[in-house]
Every structure is written in structure tokens, then in C-alpha cells.
Amino acid sequence: MSQTPETGTEAPQSAAARLFDLRSMIGGLFVLYGIMLTVAGFFTSSANLAKASHININLWMGLGMLVVGILFLVWWRLNPVKRVEPEQTPPYETGAG
């Protein structure tokens, strides 16, 4: 019989899988872009604010992205990927009896 590979429910087994958890990448990118937008929002000219109905969208979106990114990073930090240890079968015992 052929053995089929198991798919799906098992957690990643390698350190590289834990290092490249998508939550850390997504959170890091949200934080990076949030910082860039927040800084751009601080330096918005009054002419650009007038075009946007006096709503500093760069500032608000930057702060929102910072919050989402920090939530992803906190989730990644508090709930890391757990390594599933395979069950070990006891070795063949040779005993008297």
C-alpha cells in the first residue's frame, strides 16, 4: 500500500516555520506602513487637507494600521505556534517471563 502524506491539522515542526509565522510578517508590515502614514499625516499641508474635507486621512489610517499591526504582533507573541511532539513508542522489551 502507498502511504499518503498527512495534510492539515498538524503544527509546523521546524524553527523556520515558527520564525516566518504570517502573523509576525503581517503585523510588522502594518506597523511599518502605519508609521510611514502617521509621519506623512503630521506633515500634511492645509491645501491637501482642504481637498480631503479637512480630514487628515493619512494620520487616521496610519494610526489605525499601527493598532492593527500591534494587535497582530501581540497575538503572535502571546500565542506562539506550538510544536507537536510525536508520541514515542516504548522500545522492544526483552524480559524474563
N, C-alpha and C. Protein backbone atom coordinates (compact mmCIF):
# COMPACT_ATOMS: atom_id res chain seq x y z
N MET A 1 0.83 -1.17 0.00
CA MET A 1 0.00 0.00 0.00
C MET A 1 0.88 1.24 0.00
N SER A 2 0.38 2.26 -0.62
CA SER A 2 1.13 3.52 -0.63
C SER A 2 0.72 4.36 0.57
N GLN A 3 1.69 5.09 1.08
CA GLN A 3 1.40 5.93 2.22
C GLN A 3 1.14 7.35 1.72
N THR A 4 0.06 7.92 2.14
CA THR A 4 -0.27 9.28 1.72
C THR A 4 0.22 10.25 2.78
N PRO A 5 0.75 11.40 2.36
CA PRO A 5 1.21 12.37 3.36
C PRO A 5 0.03 12.99 4.08
N GLU A 6 0.24 13.24 5.36
CA GLU A 6 -0.81 13.86 6.15
C GLU A 6 -0.83 15.36 5.86
N THR A 7 -2.01 15.88 5.73
CA THR A 7 -2.15 17.31 5.46
C THR A 7 -3.07 17.92 6.48
N GLY A 8 -2.81 19.16 6.80
CA GLY A 8 -3.81 19.89 7.53
C GLY A 8 -3.53 20.24 8.97
N THR A 9 -3.91 19.43 9.89
CA THR A 9 -4.09 19.88 11.26
C THR A 9 -2.82 19.97 12.09
N GLU A 10 -1.71 19.44 11.66
CA GLU A 10 -0.52 19.47 12.50
C GLU A 10 0.18 20.82 12.43
N ALA A 11 0.78 21.22 13.54
CA ALA A 11 1.52 22.46 13.61
C ALA A 11 2.87 22.29 12.92
N PRO A 12 3.47 23.38 12.44
CA PRO A 12 4.78 23.28 11.81
C PRO A 12 5.82 22.74 12.77
N GLN A 13 6.75 21.94 12.26
CA GLN A 13 7.72 21.27 13.12
C GLN A 13 9.07 21.99 13.17
N SER A 14 9.36 22.89 12.26
CA SER A 14 10.70 23.46 12.20
C SER A 14 10.75 24.85 12.84
N ALA A 15 11.96 25.25 13.18
CA ALA A 15 12.16 26.59 13.74
C ALA A 15 11.90 27.65 12.68
N ALA A 16 12.18 27.33 11.42
CA ALA A 16 11.93 28.28 10.34
C ALA A 16 10.44 28.57 10.20
N ALA A 17 9.60 27.58 10.42
CA ALA A 17 8.16 27.80 10.35
C ALA A 17 7.69 28.72 11.46
N ARG A 18 8.28 28.59 12.65
CA ARG A 18 7.92 29.50 13.74
C ARG A 18 8.45 30.90 13.48
N LEU A 19 9.62 31.00 12.89
CA LEU A 19 10.22 32.29 12.63
C LEU A 19 9.43 33.06 11.59
N PHE A 20 8.93 32.37 10.57
CA PHE A 20 8.21 33.02 9.49
C PHE A 20 6.71 32.83 9.63
N ASP A 21 6.22 32.94 10.84
CA ASP A 21 4.79 32.90 11.09
C ASP A 21 4.17 34.12 10.40
N LEU A 22 3.07 33.92 9.70
CA LEU A 22 2.45 35.01 8.95
C LEU A 22 1.99 36.15 9.84
N ARG A 23 1.63 35.85 11.07
CA ARG A 23 1.19 36.91 11.96
C ARG A 23 2.31 37.93 12.20
N SER A 24 3.54 37.46 12.31
CA SER A 24 4.64 38.40 12.54
C SER A 24 4.92 39.24 11.30
N MET A 25 4.84 38.62 10.13
CA MET A 25 5.08 39.38 8.90
C MET A 25 3.98 40.40 8.65
N ILE A 26 2.73 39.99 8.80
CA ILE A 26 1.62 40.91 8.57
C ILE A 26 1.65 42.04 9.60
N GLY A 27 1.89 41.70 10.86
CA GLY A 27 1.96 42.71 11.90
C GLY A 27 3.10 43.68 11.68
N GLY A 28 4.24 43.16 11.28
CA GLY A 28 5.39 44.03 11.02
C GLY A 28 5.15 44.99 9.86
N LEU A 29 4.52 44.49 8.80
CA LEU A 29 4.22 45.37 7.66
C LEU A 29 3.18 46.42 8.02
N PHE A 30 2.16 46.04 8.78
CA PHE A 30 1.16 47.02 9.21
C PHE A 30 1.81 48.10 10.07
N VAL A 31 2.69 47.71 10.97
CA VAL A 31 3.36 48.69 11.83
C VAL A 31 4.24 49.61 10.98
N LEU A 32 5.00 49.04 10.05
CA LEU A 32 5.88 49.84 9.20
C LEU A 32 5.09 50.85 8.38
N TYR A 33 4.04 50.38 7.69
CA TYR A 33 3.24 51.30 6.87
C TYR A 33 2.46 52.27 7.74
N GLY A 34 2.05 51.84 8.93
CA GLY A 34 1.37 52.74 9.84
C GLY A 34 2.26 53.88 10.30
N ILE A 35 3.52 53.56 10.57
CA ILE A 35 4.47 54.62 10.95
C ILE A 35 4.67 55.60 9.80
N MET A 36 4.82 55.06 8.59
CA MET A 36 5.03 55.94 7.43
C MET A 36 3.83 56.85 7.20
N LEU A 37 2.61 56.31 7.29
CA LEU A 37 1.42 57.13 7.08
C LEU A 37 1.21 58.14 8.20
N THR A 38 1.52 57.75 9.43
CA THR A 38 1.37 58.67 10.55
C THR A 38 2.32 59.84 10.41
N VAL A 39 3.56 59.57 10.03
CA VAL A 39 4.53 60.65 9.82
C VAL A 39 4.08 61.54 8.67
N ALA A 40 3.57 60.93 7.59
CA ALA A 40 3.07 61.73 6.47
C ALA A 40 1.87 62.57 6.91
N GLY A 41 1.06 62.04 7.82
CA GLY A 41 -0.10 62.78 8.32
C GLY A 41 0.28 63.99 9.14
N PHE A 42 1.41 63.93 9.83
CA PHE A 42 1.85 65.08 10.62
C PHE A 42 2.30 66.24 9.73
N PHE A 43 2.72 65.94 8.52
CA PHE A 43 3.25 66.97 7.63
C PHE A 43 2.32 67.27 6.46
N THR A 44 1.03 67.07 6.64
CA THR A 44 0.06 67.34 5.60
C THR A 44 -0.18 68.84 5.49
N SER A 45 -0.17 69.34 4.27
CA SER A 45 -0.37 70.77 4.08
C SER A 45 -1.86 71.12 4.19
N SER A 46 -2.13 72.38 4.41
CA SER A 46 -3.52 72.81 4.53
C SER A 46 -4.26 72.70 3.20
N ALA A 47 -3.54 72.81 2.09
CA ALA A 47 -4.18 72.65 0.78
C ALA A 47 -4.64 71.20 0.59
N ASN A 48 -3.81 70.25 1.02
CA ASN A 48 -4.21 68.84 0.92
C ASN A 48 -5.35 68.51 1.88
N LEU A 49 -5.36 69.14 3.04
CA LEU A 49 -6.46 68.94 3.98
C LEU A 49 -7.77 69.48 3.40
N ALA A 50 -7.70 70.61 2.71
CA ALA A 50 -8.90 71.19 2.10
C ALA A 50 -9.47 70.27 1.03
N LYS A 51 -8.59 69.58 0.28
CA LYS A 51 -9.05 68.64 -0.74
C LYS A 51 -9.78 67.45 -0.12
N ALA A 52 -9.41 67.10 1.10
CA ALA A 52 -9.98 65.92 1.77
C ALA A 52 -11.03 66.30 2.81
N SER A 53 -11.69 67.42 2.61
CA SER A 53 -12.76 67.89 3.52
C SER A 53 -12.24 68.05 4.95
N HIS A 54 -11.02 68.48 5.08
CA HIS A 54 -10.36 68.73 6.37
C HIS A 54 -10.31 67.50 7.26
N ILE A 55 -10.17 66.34 6.64
CA ILE A 55 -9.95 65.09 7.37
C ILE A 55 -8.54 64.62 7.03
N ASN A 56 -7.71 64.49 8.04
CA ASN A 56 -6.33 64.07 7.81
C ASN A 56 -6.31 62.54 7.69
N ILE A 57 -6.62 62.06 6.50
CA ILE A 57 -6.78 60.62 6.29
C ILE A 57 -5.47 59.87 6.48
N ASN A 58 -4.34 60.48 6.14
CA ASN A 58 -3.06 59.80 6.35
C ASN A 58 -2.81 59.55 7.83
N LEU A 59 -3.13 60.53 8.64
CA LEU A 59 -2.93 60.38 10.08
C LEU A 59 -3.84 59.29 10.65
N TRP A 60 -5.13 59.34 10.30
CA TRP A 60 -6.08 58.38 10.85
C TRP A 60 -5.82 56.96 10.35
N MET A 61 -5.52 56.81 9.08
CA MET A 61 -5.22 55.48 8.56
C MET A 61 -3.90 54.96 9.12
N GLY A 62 -2.93 55.83 9.30
CA GLY A 62 -1.66 55.42 9.90
C GLY A 62 -1.84 54.94 11.32
N LEU A 63 -2.65 55.66 12.10
CA LEU A 63 -2.90 55.23 13.48
C LEU A 63 -3.69 53.92 13.51
N GLY A 64 -4.65 53.77 12.59
CA GLY A 64 -5.39 52.51 12.51
C GLY A 64 -4.51 51.34 12.14
N MET A 65 -3.60 51.57 11.19
CA MET A 65 -2.69 50.50 10.79
C MET A 65 -1.72 50.15 11.91
N LEU A 66 -1.30 51.15 12.68
CA LEU A 66 -0.44 50.88 13.84
C LEU A 66 -1.16 50.00 14.85
N VAL A 67 -2.41 50.29 15.11
CA VAL A 67 -3.18 49.50 16.08
C VAL A 67 -3.34 48.06 15.60
N VAL A 68 -3.69 47.89 14.32
CA VAL A 68 -3.87 46.54 13.77
C VAL A 68 -2.54 45.78 13.80
N GLY A 69 -1.46 46.44 13.41
CA GLY A 69 -0.15 45.79 13.42
C GLY A 69 0.29 45.39 14.81
N ILE A 70 0.04 46.25 15.79
CA ILE A 70 0.41 45.92 17.17
C ILE A 70 -0.44 44.76 17.68
N LEU A 71 -1.72 44.73 17.30
CA LEU A 71 -2.57 43.60 17.71
C LEU A 71 -2.06 42.29 17.12
N PHE A 72 -1.64 42.29 15.85
CA PHE A 72 -1.08 41.09 15.24
C PHE A 72 0.19 40.66 15.97
N LEU A 73 1.06 41.60 16.29
CA LEU A 73 2.31 41.25 16.95
C LEU A 73 2.08 40.76 18.38
N VAL A 74 1.11 41.32 19.07
CA VAL A 74 0.79 40.84 20.42
C VAL A 74 0.21 39.43 20.34
N TRP A 75 -0.66 39.20 19.38
CA TRP A 75 -1.23 37.86 19.19
C TRP A 75 -0.14 36.85 18.88
N TRP A 76 0.81 37.23 18.03
CA TRP A 76 1.92 36.35 17.67
C TRP A 76 2.78 36.06 18.90
N ARG A 77 3.01 37.06 19.73
CA ARG A 77 3.88 36.91 20.89
C ARG A 77 3.22 36.11 22.01
N LEU A 78 1.93 36.34 22.23
CA LEU A 78 1.24 35.67 23.34
C LEU A 78 0.77 34.26 23.00
N ASN A 79 0.59 33.96 21.73
CA ASN A 79 0.10 32.65 21.32
C ASN A 79 1.00 32.09 20.22
N PRO A 80 2.23 31.69 20.57
CA PRO A 80 3.14 31.21 19.53
C PRO A 80 2.70 29.84 18.99
N VAL A 81 3.25 29.49 17.84
CA VAL A 81 2.97 28.18 17.25
C VAL A 81 3.60 27.12 18.14
N LYS A 82 2.80 26.17 18.54
CA LYS A 82 3.30 25.12 19.43
C LYS A 82 3.75 23.92 18.63
N ARG A 83 4.87 23.38 19.00
CA ARG A 83 5.39 22.20 18.33
C ARG A 83 4.73 20.96 18.91
N VAL A 84 4.21 20.14 18.03
CA VAL A 84 3.55 18.91 18.46
C VAL A 84 4.60 17.81 18.50
N GLU A 85 4.78 17.28 19.70
CA GLU A 85 5.74 16.19 19.87
C GLU A 85 5.09 14.88 19.45
N PRO A 86 5.75 14.10 18.60
CA PRO A 86 5.16 12.81 18.23
C PRO A 86 5.22 11.84 19.41
N GLU A 87 4.22 10.98 19.48
CA GLU A 87 4.20 10.01 20.56
C GLU A 87 5.30 8.99 20.33
N GLN A 88 6.05 8.70 21.37
CA GLN A 88 7.14 7.73 21.24
C GLN A 88 6.63 6.38 21.73
N THR A 89 6.88 5.39 20.93
CA THR A 89 6.51 4.03 21.32
C THR A 89 7.63 3.45 22.16
N PRO A 90 7.31 2.69 23.18
CA PRO A 90 8.38 2.13 24.00
C PRO A 90 9.20 1.12 23.19
N PRO A 91 10.49 1.09 23.45
CA PRO A 91 11.33 0.13 22.71
C PRO A 91 10.94 -1.30 23.05
N TYR A 92 11.35 -2.22 22.21
CA TYR A 92 11.05 -3.64 22.40
C TYR A 92 11.69 -4.10 23.70
N GLU A 93 10.86 -4.64 24.57
CA GLU A 93 11.36 -5.04 25.88
C GLU A 93 11.60 -6.55 25.87
N THR A 94 12.76 -6.92 26.32
CA THR A 94 13.06 -8.34 26.49
C THR A 94 13.14 -8.60 27.98
N GLY A 95 12.20 -9.28 28.47
CA GLY A 95 12.17 -9.54 29.90
C GLY A 95 11.97 -11.03 30.17
N ALA A 96 12.31 -11.39 31.34
CA ALA A 96 12.11 -12.79 31.73
C ALA A 96 10.66 -12.97 32.12
N GLY A 97 10.04 -13.91 31.55
CA GLY A 97 8.70 -14.15 31.99
C GLY A 97 7.74 -14.49 30.94
